[in-house]
Amino acid sequence: MTMNGIDVSSWQAGIDLAKVPCDFVIVKTTQGNWYVSPNADAQYQSAKKSGRLLGIYHYIDGRGGAAGEVDFFIRNCKNYIKEALIAVDWE
């Protein structure tokens, strides 16, 4: 079975996910140990309301150390963890 999905971040602020033909949406929530996307919750709730499968991701920037970034991500995303796939973006 093939599934189509997208990832969104603050670069896609205001996107109407109900109009996007996809099966899943992965939302950027945090970066490093300093950034929480101001659009993450709105994008997450829009995807959820549209019946999409859900994911969240953390962008690793290396500034906070591995343990610090994990703690920051969990602290800021704990309400999504039980219903969303968890991913990291490490470039």
Protein backbone atom coordinates (compact mmCIF):
# COMPACT_ATOMS: atom_id res chain seq x y z
CA MET A 1 0.00 0.00 0.00
CA THR A 2 1.36 3.37 -1.02
CA MET A 3 0.71 6.42 1.11
CA ASN A 4 1.32 10.05 0.28
CA GLY A 5 2.26 12.58 2.89
CA ILE A 6 3.77 15.96 3.53
CA ASP A 7 5.79 17.64 6.22
CA VAL A 8 4.97 21.18 7.25
CA SER A 9 6.78 23.80 9.27
CA SER A 10 6.43 27.51 9.91
CA TRP A 11 7.31 28.02 6.22
CA GLN A 12 3.80 26.72 5.42
CA ALA A 13 1.94 28.90 7.93
CA GLY A 14 -1.73 29.15 7.04
CA ILE A 15 -1.81 26.06 4.82
CA ASP A 16 -5.30 24.57 4.50
CA LEU A 17 -4.52 20.91 5.08
CA ALA A 18 -8.11 19.93 4.28
CA LYS A 19 -7.35 20.86 0.65
CA VAL A 20 -4.05 18.97 0.42
CA PRO A 21 -4.43 15.48 -1.08
CA CYS A 22 -2.40 13.42 1.37
CA ASP A 23 -2.74 10.51 3.76
CA PHE A 24 -0.49 11.86 6.51
CA VAL A 25 1.02 15.10 7.79
CA ILE A 26 4.22 15.40 9.79
CA VAL A 27 4.53 18.72 11.61
CA LYS A 28 7.79 20.37 12.68
CA THR A 29 7.37 21.16 16.35
CA THR A 30 10.79 22.02 17.73
CA GLN A 31 14.42 22.70 16.89
CA GLY A 32 17.53 22.50 19.03
CA ASN A 33 16.76 23.44 22.60
CA TRP A 34 15.45 26.89 21.83
CA TYR A 35 12.73 26.91 19.13
CA VAL A 36 9.07 25.89 19.26
CA SER A 37 7.21 26.41 15.99
CA PRO A 38 4.49 29.01 16.51
CA ASN A 39 2.39 27.25 13.85
CA ALA A 40 2.82 23.67 15.01
CA ASP A 41 -0.34 23.29 17.07
CA ALA A 42 -2.59 24.93 14.45
CA GLN A 43 -1.10 22.71 11.74
CA TYR A 44 -1.38 19.61 13.92
CA GLN A 45 -5.01 20.32 14.84
CA SER A 46 -5.89 21.04 11.20
CA ALA A 47 -4.38 17.73 10.08
CA LYS A 48 -6.15 15.90 12.89
CA LYS A 49 -9.49 17.50 12.06
CA SER A 50 -9.01 16.52 8.41
CA GLY A 51 -8.61 12.87 9.43
CA ARG A 52 -4.96 12.59 8.42
CA LEU A 53 -2.50 10.28 10.08
CA LEU A 54 -0.26 12.40 12.29
CA GLY A 55 3.42 12.83 12.90
CA ILE A 56 5.63 15.36 14.62
CA TYR A 57 9.31 16.04 14.18
CA HIS A 58 12.22 17.72 15.86
CA TYR A 59 14.96 19.40 13.83
CA ILE A 60 18.33 18.58 15.35
CA ASP A 61 20.69 21.53 15.16
CA GLY A 62 23.32 20.27 17.61
CA ARG A 63 23.38 23.38 19.78
CA GLY A 64 21.72 21.81 22.81
CA GLY A 65 23.49 18.47 22.94
CA ALA A 66 21.62 15.22 22.34
CA ALA A 67 20.09 14.87 25.82
CA GLY A 68 19.14 18.55 25.96
CA GLU A 69 17.38 18.41 22.60
CA VAL A 70 15.48 15.24 23.51
CA ASP A 71 14.35 16.77 26.81
CA PHE A 72 13.27 19.97 25.06
CA PHE A 73 11.32 18.06 22.41
CA ILE A 74 9.52 15.85 24.95
CA ARG A 75 8.75 18.77 27.25
CA ASN A 76 7.15 20.73 24.41
CA CYS A 77 5.42 17.85 22.60
CA LYS A 78 4.18 15.56 25.36
CA ASN A 79 0.53 16.09 24.41
CA TYR A 80 1.08 14.77 20.88
CA ILE A 81 3.29 11.78 21.64
CA LYS A 82 0.57 9.18 22.22
CA GLU A 83 -1.22 9.86 18.93
CA ALA A 84 1.53 10.86 16.52
CA LEU A 85 4.52 9.21 14.91
CA ILE A 86 7.73 10.76 16.21
CA ALA A 87 10.56 11.64 13.83
CA VAL A 88 13.77 13.64 13.72
CA ASP A 89 15.25 15.75 10.95
CA TRP A 90 19.01 15.48 11.05
CA GLU A 91 20.84 17.00 8.13
